Protein backbone atom coordinates (compact mmCIF):
# COMPACT_ATOMS: atom_id res chain seq x y z
CA MET A 1 -68.44 -67.75 21.68
CA ALA A 2 -70.85 -64.82 22.23
CA VAL A 3 -69.65 -61.44 21.06
CA SER A 4 -71.29 -58.17 21.94
CA HIS A 5 -70.49 -54.57 21.02
CA SER A 6 -71.59 -51.24 22.53
CA GLY A 7 -71.52 -47.73 21.21
CA ILE A 8 -71.10 -47.99 17.39
CA GLY A 9 -72.08 -50.40 14.70
CA VAL A 10 -69.21 -52.49 13.26
CA VAL A 11 -69.04 -55.31 10.70
CA TRP A 12 -67.60 -58.35 12.41
CA GLY A 13 -66.04 -59.75 9.25
CA ILE A 14 -66.33 -63.51 8.85
CA THR A 15 -69.17 -65.51 10.43
CA THR A 16 -69.89 -69.18 10.06
CA ALA A 17 -72.56 -68.35 7.51
CA SER A 18 -70.49 -65.76 5.51
CA GLY A 19 -69.66 -67.90 2.58
CA SER A 20 -68.21 -71.02 0.99
CA ILE A 21 -67.09 -72.66 -2.25
CA THR A 22 -67.59 -76.19 -3.42
CA LEU A 23 -64.49 -78.40 -3.22
CA GLY A 24 -64.73 -82.03 -4.20
CA THR A 25 -67.72 -83.56 -2.36
CA GLY A 26 -67.21 -81.04 0.56
CA VAL A 27 -67.00 -77.31 0.92
CA GLY A 28 -64.42 -74.72 1.77
CA ARG A 29 -65.56 -72.50 4.63
CA ILE A 30 -64.20 -68.95 4.36
CA THR A 31 -61.87 -67.93 7.18
CA SER A 32 -60.23 -64.93 5.55
CA GLU A 33 -60.88 -62.79 2.48
CA THR A 34 -59.36 -59.66 1.07
CA VAL A 35 -61.04 -57.92 -1.87
CA THR A 36 -59.04 -55.58 -4.09
CA ASN A 37 -60.66 -53.54 -6.89
CA ASP A 38 -58.00 -52.58 -9.40
CA THR A 39 -57.83 -50.94 -12.78
CA LYS A 40 -55.25 -49.71 -15.26
CA ASN A 41 -55.20 -46.03 -16.06
CA MET A 42 -53.69 -43.58 -18.51
CA GLU A 43 -53.10 -39.96 -17.53
CA HIS A 44 -53.68 -37.21 -20.08
CA LEU A 45 -51.46 -34.18 -19.69
CA THR A 46 -51.51 -30.77 -21.22
CA HIS A 47 -48.60 -29.41 -23.25
CA LEU A 48 -47.28 -27.98 -19.96
CA GLY A 49 -47.35 -31.38 -18.33
CA GLU A 50 -50.33 -30.61 -16.12
CA LEU A 51 -52.85 -33.38 -15.46
CA GLN A 52 -56.12 -32.70 -17.34
CA GLY A 53 -57.72 -36.13 -17.22
CA VAL A 54 -57.47 -39.81 -16.43
CA THR A 55 -58.85 -42.80 -18.43
CA PHE A 56 -59.55 -45.96 -16.46
CA TYR A 57 -59.84 -49.32 -18.16
CA ASP A 58 -59.42 -53.11 -17.56
CA ASP A 59 -61.02 -53.00 -14.15
CA ARG A 60 -61.03 -56.28 -12.18
CA THR A 61 -61.69 -57.63 -8.75
CA GLN A 62 -59.01 -59.76 -7.08
CA LEU A 63 -59.86 -61.90 -4.04
CA GLU A 64 -57.33 -63.37 -1.67
CA LEU A 65 -59.22 -66.15 0.04
CA GLU A 66 -58.51 -68.70 2.78
CA VAL A 67 -60.86 -71.55 3.36
CA TYR A 68 -60.82 -74.62 5.51
CA PRO A 69 -62.09 -77.91 4.06
CA SER A 70 -65.22 -79.29 5.65
CA GLY A 71 -68.10 -81.60 4.89
CA SER A 72 -71.03 -83.45 6.41
CA THR A 73 -68.74 -86.50 6.74
CA ILE A 74 -64.99 -87.00 7.20
CA ALA A 75 -64.78 -88.37 3.70
CA ALA A 76 -66.39 -85.24 2.33
CA ALA A 77 -63.98 -83.03 4.31
CA GLN A 78 -60.97 -85.11 2.99
CA SER A 79 -62.34 -84.72 -0.56
CA ALA A 80 -62.50 -80.94 -0.06
CA ALA A 81 -58.91 -80.91 1.31
CA ASN A 82 -57.75 -82.83 -1.80
CA ALA A 83 -59.49 -80.49 -4.18
CA CYS A 84 -57.04 -77.55 -4.09
CA PRO A 85 -58.09 -75.72 -7.32
CA LEU A 86 -55.57 -75.49 -10.16
CA PRO A 87 -54.70 -72.16 -11.72
CA GLY A 88 -56.87 -71.61 -14.75
CA SER A 89 -59.89 -73.38 -13.27
CA THR A 90 -62.91 -71.61 -11.94
CA VAL A 91 -64.64 -71.59 -8.58
CA THR A 92 -68.07 -70.27 -7.60
CA LEU A 93 -67.99 -68.23 -4.45
CA THR A 94 -71.13 -67.85 -2.32
CA ASP A 95 -70.63 -64.90 0.03
CA SER A 96 -73.25 -63.25 2.19
CA VAL A 97 -71.09 -60.43 3.60
CA LEU A 98 -69.35 -58.76 0.65
CA THR A 99 -72.32 -58.79 -1.75
CA ASN A 100 -71.69 -55.26 -2.91
CA ALA A 101 -67.99 -55.89 -3.61
CA ILE A 102 -68.20 -59.25 -5.29
CA GLY A 103 -71.85 -60.35 -5.69
CA THR A 104 -73.56 -63.39 -4.20
CA ALA A 105 -72.89 -66.47 -6.39
CA VAL A 106 -69.99 -65.37 -8.62
CA LYS A 107 -67.52 -67.40 -10.70
CA PHE A 108 -63.84 -66.49 -10.26
CA LEU A 109 -60.80 -67.49 -12.21
CA VAL A 110 -58.13 -69.17 -10.07
CA MET A 111 -54.75 -67.46 -10.55
CA ALA A 112 -52.88 -69.35 -7.76
CA SER A 113 -53.70 -71.74 -4.93
CA SER A 114 -51.97 -73.67 -2.13
CA VAL A 115 -52.96 -76.01 0.70
CA ARG A 116 -51.34 -75.82 4.15
CA LEU A 117 -51.32 -78.87 6.37
CA SER A 118 -50.28 -78.96 10.00
CA ASN A 119 -50.18 -81.35 12.84
CA SER A 120 -51.54 -78.70 15.20
CA ASP A 121 -54.27 -77.01 13.20
CA LYS A 122 -56.86 -77.69 10.53
CA SER A 123 -55.97 -77.72 6.85
CA VAL A 124 -56.15 -74.38 5.04
CA ILE A 125 -56.45 -73.76 1.32
CA SER A 126 -55.29 -70.31 0.09
CA MET A 127 -56.38 -68.92 -3.29
CA THR A 128 -55.88 -65.92 -5.42
CA LEU A 129 -59.03 -65.37 -7.50
CA VAL A 130 -59.86 -62.81 -10.22
CA LYS A 131 -63.00 -61.65 -11.90
CA ALA A 132 -63.34 -58.96 -14.57
CA PRO A 133 -66.37 -57.63 -16.47
CA GLY A 134 -65.09 -58.80 -19.87
CA LEU A 135 -63.86 -62.20 -18.63
CA SER A 136 -66.30 -65.01 -19.65
CA LEU A 137 -66.11 -67.99 -17.25
CA THR A 138 -68.29 -70.79 -18.64
CA THR A 139 -66.94 -73.86 -16.87
CA ASN A 140 -66.51 -74.92 -13.28
CA PRO A 141 -64.35 -78.05 -13.13
CA ILE A 142 -64.20 -77.99 -9.30
CA THR A 143 -67.45 -79.73 -8.52
């Protein structure tokens, strides 16, 4: 489907080349992603209770991601559909749209995941992923 815009420049969100993750012998094609940058903070007050400063710490990036399983063959797509990542495992996300927010080939820790099957639509895997500067992710069991 051709899409054209006039007047102002906009980011169209997800394209077919936006990004993917490896799932089994197939891949998960990104259909939706929400990036949240979060941090804890501590407010510093004067003796009068007025705010005089804020300390930010424990920053992290959380990614809510939906992908549909696909592959070069039906078997590869089925393998991807059966590879819903377990909490505690890691996935490597390749994303060409949100490179400033999350990077290009970045490992994320899986916090939660689910797969949705339907008789009227394709399978969809939903994931909550986290990365933090101090978090060392050295393994990727979902390959």
